[in-house]
């Protein structure tokens, strides 16, 4: 009797341990199954990518804003609101009409965004009926002004050509002025020649530029005296009798 007792106890202990392991394995398998079945119900869809992405610094304005979500697609309908709004720092809206295709939602920008910070706010309703509202920011770099063109240095030949051209231009501009002066002078002389001579000017023009008047008068009186003396001498000679 005493020799069979240890073998019986060992067999009982092994069976108990095997039963415990089986129970634990079953419990673990059940828990894993429950977790796997409950996971889809606990996990909601979410935003998985966007263009532009949150925190992006863009060199130029994007043409549209696109959001892509997880899941089989967004829930749409007349009473369902899925929308994207794009606003700047002053609160001005820049978005266009929101469009949806499956799990992707986008809006085209009707105008180019100037440099500055922008906020993308969105509201979506996922395929499981869960709604979400969220937002993110991005930035558009300010456009740099166009640099002013640098003038190209002119070569000596071009400088001399420009100087000669300027000199010819100045000469041509001065020539008509000289012609005008000559024409004015000619017109003045013609006017003076055509003007009639009157008064003292006429007397001075007609006066003989020879001997003065008093010299002519004295000469005439001297000649008359000589003629008178000759005449008297002739008359006396006739009156004297011959011897």
C-alpha atoms as a PDB file:
ATOM      1  CA  UNK A   1       0.000   0.000   0.000  1.00  0.00           C
ATOM      2  CA  UNK A   2       2.726   2.408   0.847  1.00  0.00           C
ATOM      3  CA  UNK A   3       4.559   1.872  -2.443  1.00  0.00           C
ATOM      4  CA  UNK A   4       1.523   2.825  -4.613  1.00  0.00           C
ATOM      5  CA  UNK A   5       0.687   6.043  -2.834  1.00  0.00           C
ATOM      6  CA  UNK A   6       3.392   8.317  -4.351  1.00  0.00           C
ATOM      7  CA  UNK A   7       2.574   7.248  -7.921  1.00  0.00           C
ATOM      8  CA  UNK A   8      -1.093   8.034  -7.422  1.00  0.00           C
ATOM      9  CA  UNK A   9      -0.325  11.475  -6.021  1.00  0.00           C
ATOM     10  CA  UNK A  10       2.055  12.247  -8.895  1.00  0.00           C
ATOM     11  CA  UNK A  11      -0.597  11.342 -11.463  1.00  0.00           C
ATOM     12  CA  UNK A  12      -3.150  13.537  -9.731  1.00  0.00           C
ATOM     13  CA  UNK A  13      -0.811  16.509  -9.589  1.00  0.00           C
ATOM     14  CA  UNK A  14       0.015  16.284 -13.293  1.00  0.00           C
ATOM     15  CA  UNK A  15      -3.645  16.197 -14.234  1.00  0.00           C
ATOM     16  CA  UNK A  16      -4.356  19.268 -12.120  1.00  0.00           C
ATOM     17  CA  UNK A  17      -1.543  21.192 -13.771  1.00  0.00           C
ATOM     18  CA  UNK A  18      -2.673  20.205 -17.242  1.00  0.00           C
ATOM     19  CA  UNK A  19      -6.178  21.359 -16.414  1.00  0.00           C
ATOM     20  CA  UNK A  20      -4.917  24.724 -15.227  1.00  0.00           C
ATOM     21  CA  UNK A  21      -2.853  25.260 -18.396  1.00  0.00           C
ATOM     22  CA  UNK A  22      -5.835  24.390 -20.540  1.00  0.00           C
ATOM     23  CA  UNK A  23      -8.039  26.819 -18.624  1.00  0.00           C
ATOM     24  CA  UNK A  24      -5.503  29.606 -18.952  1.00  0.00           C
ATOM     25  CA  UNK A  25      -5.087  28.989 -22.679  1.00  0.00           C
ATOM     26  CA  UNK A  26      -8.819  29.054 -23.204  1.00  0.00           C
ATOM     27  CA  UNK A  27      -9.126  32.288 -21.248  1.00  0.00           C
ATOM     28  CA  UNK A  28      -6.350  33.906 -23.304  1.00  0.00           C
ATOM     29  CA  UNK A  29      -7.894  32.779 -26.571  1.00  0.00           C
ATOM     30  CA  UNK A  30     -11.275  34.104 -25.512  1.00  0.00           C
ATOM     31  CA  UNK A  31      -9.788  37.448 -24.528  1.00  0.00           C
ATOM     32  CA  UNK A  32      -7.934  37.731 -27.824  1.00  0.00           C
ATOM     33  CA  UNK A  33     -11.090  36.967 -29.754  1.00  0.00           C
ATOM     34  CA  UNK A  34     -13.078  39.533 -27.832  1.00  0.00           C
ATOM     35  CA  UNK A  35     -10.378  42.136 -28.383  1.00  0.00           C
ATOM     36  CA  UNK A  36     -10.209  41.414 -32.093  1.00  0.00           C
ATOM     37  CA  UNK A  37     -13.959  41.620 -32.479  1.00  0.00           C
ATOM     38  CA  UNK A  38     -14.228  44.850 -30.481  1.00  0.00           C
ATOM     39  CA  UNK A  39     -11.327  46.660 -32.160  1.00  0.00           C
ATOM     40  CA  UNK A  40     -13.289  47.874 -35.212  1.00  0.00           C
ATOM     41  CA  UNK A  41     -15.972  49.303 -32.947  1.00  0.00           C
ATOM     42  CA  UNK A  42     -13.520  51.155 -30.741  1.00  0.00           C
ATOM     43  CA  UNK A  43     -11.254  52.679 -33.473  1.00  0.00           C
ATOM     44  CA  UNK A  44     -12.705  55.677 -35.390  1.00  0.00           C
ATOM     45  CA  UNK A  45     -11.602  56.860 -38.802  1.00  0.00           C
ATOM     46  CA  UNK A  46      -9.223  59.826 -38.949  1.00  0.00           C
ATOM     47  CA  UNK A  47      -7.275  62.145 -41.256  1.00  0.00           C
ATOM     48  CA  UNK A  48      -4.302  60.257 -42.683  1.00  0.00           C
ATOM     49  CA  UNK A  49      -2.859  62.838 -45.125  1.00  0.00           C
ATOM     50  CA  UNK A  50      -3.375  66.342 -46.464  1.00  0.00           C
ATOM     51  CA  UNK A  51      -2.039  68.658 -49.147  1.00  0.00           C
ATOM     52  CA  UNK A  52      -0.664  71.008 -47.968  1.00  0.00           C
ATOM     53  CA  UNK A  53       0.375  69.252 -44.775  1.00  0.00           C
ATOM     54  CA  UNK A  54       0.190  70.777 -41.316  1.00  0.00           C
ATOM     55  CA  UNK A  55       3.058  73.206 -40.727  1.00  0.00           C
ATOM     56  CA  UNK A  56       4.125  73.369 -44.405  1.00  0.00           C
ATOM     57  CA  UNK A  57       5.913  76.479 -45.697  1.00  0.00           C
ATOM     58  CA  UNK A  58       4.977  76.806 -49.366  1.00  0.00           C
ATOM     59  CA  UNK A  59       6.980  78.867 -51.847  1.00  0.00           C
ATOM     60  CA  UNK A  60       3.859  79.473 -53.934  1.00  0.00           C
ATOM     61  CA  UNK A  61       0.105  79.389 -53.414  1.00  0.00           C
ATOM     62  CA  UNK A  62      -1.510  75.926 -53.768  1.00  0.00           C
ATOM     63  CA  UNK A  63      -4.275  75.447 -56.297  1.00  0.00           C
ATOM     64  CA  UNK A  64      -6.414  73.346 -53.929  1.00  0.00           C
ATOM     65  CA  UNK A  65      -6.559  71.854 -50.431  1.00  0.00           C
ATOM     66  CA  UNK A  66      -7.014  68.062 -50.295  1.00  0.00           C
ATOM     67  CA  UNK A  67      -7.793  65.861 -47.250  1.00  0.00           C
ATOM     68  CA  UNK A  68      -7.690  62.037 -47.225  1.00  0.00           C
ATOM     69  CA  UNK A  69      -9.253  60.003 -44.409  1.00  0.00           C
ATOM     70  CA  UNK A  70      -9.117  56.377 -43.310  1.00  0.00           C
ATOM     71  CA  UNK A  71     -12.081  54.045 -43.654  1.00  0.00           C
ATOM     72  CA  UNK A  72     -14.278  53.068 -46.544  1.00  0.00           C
ATOM     73  CA  UNK A  73     -15.532  56.568 -47.289  1.00  0.00           C
ATOM     74  CA  UNK A  74     -17.295  59.564 -45.840  1.00  0.00           C
ATOM     75  CA  UNK A  75     -20.987  59.625 -45.126  1.00  0.00           C
ATOM     76  CA  UNK A  76     -22.842  62.021 -47.415  1.00  0.00           C
ATOM     77  CA  UNK A  77     -26.435  63.204 -47.649  1.00  0.00           C
ATOM     78  CA  UNK A  78     -28.619  66.282 -47.521  1.00  0.00           C
ATOM     79  CA  UNK A  79     -28.434  66.493 -43.723  1.00  0.00           C
ATOM     80  CA  UNK A  80     -24.718  65.561 -43.560  1.00  0.00           C
ATOM     81  CA  UNK A  81     -22.150  68.349 -43.374  1.00  0.00           C
ATOM     82  CA  UNK A  82     -18.692  67.690 -44.828  1.00  0.00           C
ATOM     83  CA  UNK A  83     -16.860  70.930 -45.457  1.00  0.00           C
ATOM     84  CA  UNK A  84     -13.401  72.516 -45.750  1.00  0.00           C
ATOM     85  CA  UNK A  85     -12.779  76.148 -44.815  1.00  0.00           C
ATOM     86  CA  UNK A  86      -9.544  78.063 -45.568  1.00  0.00           C
ATOM     87  CA  UNK A  87      -9.013  81.407 -43.814  1.00  0.00           C
ATOM     88  CA  UNK A  88      -6.148  83.871 -43.402  1.00  0.00           C
ATOM     89  CA  UNK A  89      -4.954  85.769 -40.324  1.00  0.00           C
ATOM     90  CA  UNK A  90      -7.659  88.421 -40.814  1.00  0.00           C
ATOM     91  CA  UNK A  91     -10.432  85.797 -40.957  1.00  0.00           C
ATOM     92  CA  UNK A  92     -11.070  86.171 -44.696  1.00  0.00           C
ATOM     93  CA  UNK A  93     -12.219  82.956 -46.389  1.00  0.00           C
ATOM     94  CA  UNK A  94     -10.418  81.661 -49.484  1.00  0.00           C
ATOM     95  CA  UNK A  95     -12.032  78.260 -50.113  1.00  0.00           C
ATOM     96  CA  UNK A  96     -14.259  77.228 -52.970  1.00  0.00           C
ATOM     97  CA  UNK A  97     -16.923  74.507 -53.114  1.00  0.00           C
ATOM     98  CA  UNK A  98     -16.140  71.326 -51.142  1.00  0.00           C
ATOM     99  CA  UNK A  99     -16.160  68.089 -53.146  1.00  0.00           C
ATOM    100  CA  UNK A 100     -16.086  64.468 -51.898  1.00  0.00           C
ATOM    101  CA  UNK A 101     -15.097  61.217 -53.528  1.00  0.00           C
ATOM    102  CA  UNK A 102     -14.940  58.174 -51.272  1.00  0.00           C
ATOM    103  CA  UNK A 103     -12.668  58.980 -48.321  1.00  0.00           C
ATOM    104  CA  UNK A 104     -11.117  62.030 -50.059  1.00  0.00           C
ATOM    105  CA  UNK A 105     -12.390  65.580 -49.693  1.00  0.00           C
ATOM    106  CA  UNK A 106     -10.986  68.691 -51.421  1.00  0.00           C
ATOM    107  CA  UNK A 107     -11.704  72.302 -52.336  1.00  0.00           C
ATOM    108  CA  UNK A 108     -10.226  74.416 -55.114  1.00  0.00           C
ATOM    109  CA  UNK A 109      -8.948  77.890 -54.235  1.00  0.00           C
ATOM    110  CA  UNK A 110     -10.613  80.500 -56.487  1.00  0.00           C
ATOM    111  CA  UNK A 111      -7.713  82.962 -56.123  1.00  0.00           C
ATOM    112  CA  UNK A 112      -3.975  82.860 -55.485  1.00  0.00           C
ATOM    113  CA  UNK A 113      -3.109  83.084 -51.806  1.00  0.00           C
ATOM    114  CA  UNK A 114      -0.804  85.989 -50.917  1.00  0.00           C
ATOM    115  CA  UNK A 115       2.058  85.449 -48.500  1.00  0.00           C
ATOM    116  CA  UNK A 116       0.962  84.774 -44.911  1.00  0.00           C
ATOM    117  CA  UNK A 117      -0.388  82.180 -42.450  1.00  0.00           C
ATOM    118  CA  UNK A 118      -3.540  80.168 -43.241  1.00  0.00           C
ATOM    119  CA  UNK A 119      -5.814  77.811 -41.292  1.00  0.00           C
ATOM    120  CA  UNK A 120      -7.584  74.780 -42.783  1.00  0.00           C
ATOM    121  CA  UNK A 121     -10.661  73.874 -40.725  1.00  0.00           C
ATOM    122  CA  UNK A 122     -12.760  70.843 -41.657  1.00  0.00           C
ATOM    123  CA  UNK A 123     -15.791  68.861 -40.510  1.00  0.00           C
ATOM    124  CA  UNK A 124     -16.412  65.299 -41.700  1.00  0.00           C
ATOM    125  CA  UNK A 125     -18.806  62.437 -40.998  1.00  0.00           C
ATOM    126  CA  UNK A 126     -17.138  59.022 -41.299  1.00  0.00           C
ATOM    127  CA  UNK A 127     -18.653  55.830 -42.618  1.00  0.00           C
ATOM    128  CA  UNK A 128     -19.506  54.660 -39.067  1.00  0.00           C
ATOM    129  CA  UNK A 129     -21.485  57.870 -38.465  1.00  0.00           C
ATOM    130  CA  UNK A 130     -18.842  59.412 -36.242  1.00  0.00           C
ATOM    131  CA  UNK A 131     -18.356  63.189 -36.897  1.00  0.00           C
ATOM    132  CA  UNK A 132     -15.106  65.054 -36.358  1.00  0.00           C
ATOM    133  CA  UNK A 133     -14.075  68.706 -36.476  1.00  0.00           C
ATOM    134  CA  UNK A 134     -10.407  69.717 -36.548  1.00  0.00           C
ATOM    135  CA  UNK A 135      -7.948  72.148 -38.147  1.00  0.00           C
ATOM    136  CA  UNK A 136      -4.288  72.708 -39.012  1.00  0.00           C
ATOM    137  CA  UNK A 137      -2.117  75.582 -40.251  1.00  0.00           C
ATOM    138  CA  UNK A 138       0.260  76.178 -43.137  1.00  0.00           C
ATOM    139  CA  UNK A 139       2.146  79.197 -44.491  1.00  0.00           C
ATOM    140  CA  UNK A 140       2.736  80.741 -47.919  1.00  0.00           C
ATOM    141  CA  UNK A 141       6.036  82.578 -48.328  1.00  0.00           C
ATOM    142  CA  UNK A 142       5.830  86.227 -49.309  1.00  0.00           C
ATOM    143  CA  UNK A 143       6.819  86.924 -52.908  1.00  0.00           C
ATOM    144  CA  UNK A 144      10.141  88.715 -53.299  1.00  0.00           C
ATOM    145  CA  UNK A 145      10.163  91.888 -55.444  1.00  0.00           C
ATOM    146  CA  UNK A 146      11.752  91.604 -58.857  1.00  0.00           C
ATOM    147  CA  UNK A 147      15.338  92.949 -58.852  1.00  0.00           C
ATOM    148  CA  UNK A 148      15.967  96.119 -60.820  1.00  0.00           C
ATOM    149  CA  UNK A 149      17.918  95.547 -64.036  1.00  0.00           C
ATOM    150  CA  UNK A 150      21.559  96.626 -63.882  1.00  0.00           C
ATOM    151  CA  UNK A 151      22.552  98.920 -66.780  1.00  0.00           C
ATOM    152  CA  UNK A 152      25.275  97.475 -68.967  1.00  0.00           C
ATOM    153  CA  UNK A 153      28.465  99.605 -69.212  1.00  0.00           C
ATOM    154  CA  UNK A 154      28.934 101.167 -72.646  1.00  0.00           C
ATOM    155  CA  UNK A 155      32.125 100.625 -74.624  1.00  0.00           C
ATOM    156  CA  UNK A 156      34.358 103.600 -75.679  1.00  0.00           C
ATOM    157  CA  UNK A 157      33.249 103.223 -79.303  1.00  0.00           C
ATOM    158  CA  UNK A 158      29.585 103.454 -78.299  1.00  0.00           C
ATOM    159  CA  UNK A 159      30.367 106.489 -76.110  1.00  0.00           C
ATOM    160  CA  UNK A 160      32.102 108.318 -79.001  1.00  0.00           C
ATOM    161  CA  UNK A 161      29.257 107.473 -81.343  1.00  0.00           C
ATOM    162  CA  UNK A 162      26.727 108.822 -78.852  1.00  0.00           C
ATOM    163  CA  UNK A 163      28.831 111.995 -78.395  1.00  0.00           C
ATOM    164  CA  UNK A 164      29.030 112.599 -82.172  1.00  0.00           C
ATOM    165  CA  UNK A 165      25.323 111.994 -82.514  1.00  0.00           C
ATOM    166  CA  UNK A 166      24.600 114.481 -79.724  1.00  0.00           C
ATOM    167  CA  UNK A 167      26.885 117.077 -81.367  1.00  0.00           C
ATOM    168  CA  UNK A 168      25.154 116.676 -84.724  1.00  0.00           C
ATOM    169  CA  UNK A 169      21.792 116.996 -83.043  1.00  0.00           C
ATOM    170  CA  UNK A 170      22.852 120.219 -81.311  1.00  0.00           C
ATOM    171  CA  UNK A 171      24.238 121.622 -84.606  1.00  0.00           C
ATOM    172  CA  UNK A 172      21.042 120.841 -86.441  1.00  0.00           C
ATOM    173  CA  UNK A 173      19.038 122.413 -83.667  1.00  0.00           C
ATOM    174  CA  UNK A 174      21.170 125.607 -83.768  1.00  0.00           C
ATOM    175  CA  UNK A 175      21.168 126.004 -87.601  1.00  0.00           C
ATOM    176  CA  UNK A 176      17.531 127.065 -87.962  1.00  0.00           C
ATOM    177  CA  UNK A 177      18.080 129.711 -85.287  1.00  0.00           C
ATOM    178  CA  UNK A 178      20.929 131.331 -87.291  1.00  0.00           C
ATOM    179  CA  UNK A 179      18.834 131.268 -90.450  1.00  0.00           C
ATOM    180  CA  UNK A 180      16.074 132.994 -88.550  1.00  0.00           C
ATOM    181  CA  UNK A 181      18.520 135.715 -87.439  1.00  0.00           C
ATOM    182  CA  UNK A 182      19.648 136.315 -91.063  1.00  0.00           C
ATOM    183  CA  UNK A 183      16.074 136.368 -92.250  1.00  0.00           C
ATOM    184  CA  UNK A 184      15.144 138.897 -89.531  1.00  0.00           C
ATOM    185  CA  UNK A 185      18.113 141.120 -90.495  1.00  0.00           C
ATOM    186  CA  UNK A 186      17.218 140.978 -94.210  1.00  0.00           C
ATOM    187  CA  UNK A 187      13.612 141.799 -93.443  1.00  0.00           C
ATOM    188  CA  UNK A 188      14.711 144.804 -91.346  1.00  0.00           C
ATOM    189  CA  UNK A 189      16.982 146.181 -94.118  1.00  0.00           C
ATOM    190  CA  UNK A 190      14.249 145.756 -96.712  1.00  0.00           C
ATOM    191  CA  UNK A 191      11.795 147.581 -94.517  1.00  0.00           C
ATOM    192  CA  UNK A 192      14.224 150.471 -94.028  1.00  0.00           C
ATOM    193  CA  UNK A 193      14.918 150.690 -97.797  1.00  0.00           C
ATOM    194  CA  UNK A 194      11.222 150.707 -98.677  1.00  0.00           C
ATOM    195  CA  UNK A 195      10.365 153.400 -96.092  1.00  0.00           C
ATOM    196  CA  UNK A 196       9.916 156.869 -97.771  1.00  0.00           C
ATOM    197  CA  UNK A 197      12.378 159.651 -96.880  1.00  0.00           C
ATOM    198  CA  UNK A 198      10.704 162.633 -95.213  1.00  0.00           C
ATOM    199  CA  UNK A 199      11.682 165.957 -93.570  1.00  0.00           C
ATOM    200  CA  UNK A 200      15.315 166.657 -92.740  1.00  0.00           C
ATOM    201  CA  UNK A 201      16.375 163.294 -94.032  1.00  0.00           C
ATOM    202  CA  UNK A 202      15.196 164.243 -97.568  1.00  0.00           C
ATOM    203  CA  UNK A 203      17.036 167.608 -97.429  1.00  0.00           C
ATOM    204  CA  UNK A 204      20.252 166.002 -96.348  1.00  0.00           C
ATOM    205  CA  UNK A 205      19.937 163.450 -99.145  1.00  0.00           C
ATOM    206  CA  UNK A 206      19.404 166.147-101.911  1.00  0.00           C
ATOM    207  CA  UNK A 207      22.111 168.620-100.678  1.00  0.00           C
ATOM    208  CA  UNK A 208      25.333 168.754-102.772  1.00  0.00           C
ATOM    209  CA  UNK A 209      28.147 167.384-100.727  1.00  0.00           C
ATOM    210  CA  UNK A 210      30.599 169.932-102.498  1.00  0.00           C
ATOM    211  CA  UNK A 211      31.340 173.647-101.550  1.00  0.00           C
ATOM    212  CA  UNK A 212      29.238 175.336 -98.909  1.00  0.00           C
ATOM    213  CA  UNK A 213      26.599 177.902 -99.926  1.00  0.00           C
ATOM    214  CA  UNK A 214      28.515 180.968 -98.739  1.00  0.00           C
ATOM    215  CA  UNK A 215      31.559 180.056-100.899  1.00  0.00           C
ATOM    216  CA  UNK A 216      29.342 179.818-103.964  1.00  0.00           C
ATOM    217  CA  UNK A 217      27.794 183.224-103.219  1.00  0.00           C
ATOM    218  CA  UNK A 218      31.231 184.915-102.767  1.00  0.00           C
ATOM    219  CA  UNK A 219      32.533 183.389-105.980  1.00  0.00           C
ATOM    220  CA  UNK A 220      29.501 184.572-107.916  1.00  0.00           C
ATOM    221  CA  UNK A 221      29.870 188.147-106.596  1.00  0.00           C
ATOM    222  CA  UNK A 222      33.603 188.197-107.515  1.00  0.00           C
ATOM    223  CA  UNK A 223      32.863 187.086-111.060  1.00  0.00           C
ATOM    224  CA  UNK A 224      30.138 189.717-111.397  1.00  0.00           C
ATOM    225  CA  UNK A 225      32.580 192.449-110.127  1.00  0.00           C
ATOM    226  CA  UNK A 226      35.212 191.464-112.670  1.00  0.00           C
ATOM    227  CA  UNK A 227      32.688 191.543-115.474  1.00  0.00           C
ATOM    228  CA  UNK A 228      31.522 195.004-114.376  1.00  0.00           C
ATOM    229  CA  UNK A 229      35.090 196.356-114.287  1.00  0.00           C
ATOM    230  CA  UNK A 230      35.809 195.030-117.765  1.00  0.00           C
ATOM    231  CA  UNK A 231      32.620 196.593-119.090  1.00  0.00           C
ATOM    232  CA  UNK A 232      33.468 200.010-117.642  1.00  0.00           C
ATOM    233  CA  UNK A 233      36.976 199.902-119.079  1.00  0.00           C
ATOM    234  CA  UNK A 234      35.604 199.212-122.544  1.00  0.00           C
ATOM    235  CA  UNK A 235      33.128 202.026-122.294  1.00  0.00           C
ATOM    236  CA  UNK A 236      35.809 204.502-121.244  1.00  0.00           C
ATOM    237  CA  UNK A 237      38.024 203.549-124.167  1.00  0.00           C
ATOM    238  CA  UNK A 238      35.323 204.342-126.629  1.00  0.00           C
ATOM    239  CA  UNK A 239      34.600 207.780-125.116  1.00  0.00           C
ATOM    240  CA  UNK A 240      38.239 209.022-125.233  1.00  0.00           C
ATOM    241  CA  UNK A 241      38.903 211.049-128.519  1.00  0.00           C
ATOM    242  CA  UNK A 242      41.767 210.197-130.747  1.00  0.00           C
ATOM    243  CA  UNK A 243      44.621 212.818-131.070  1.00  0.00           C
END
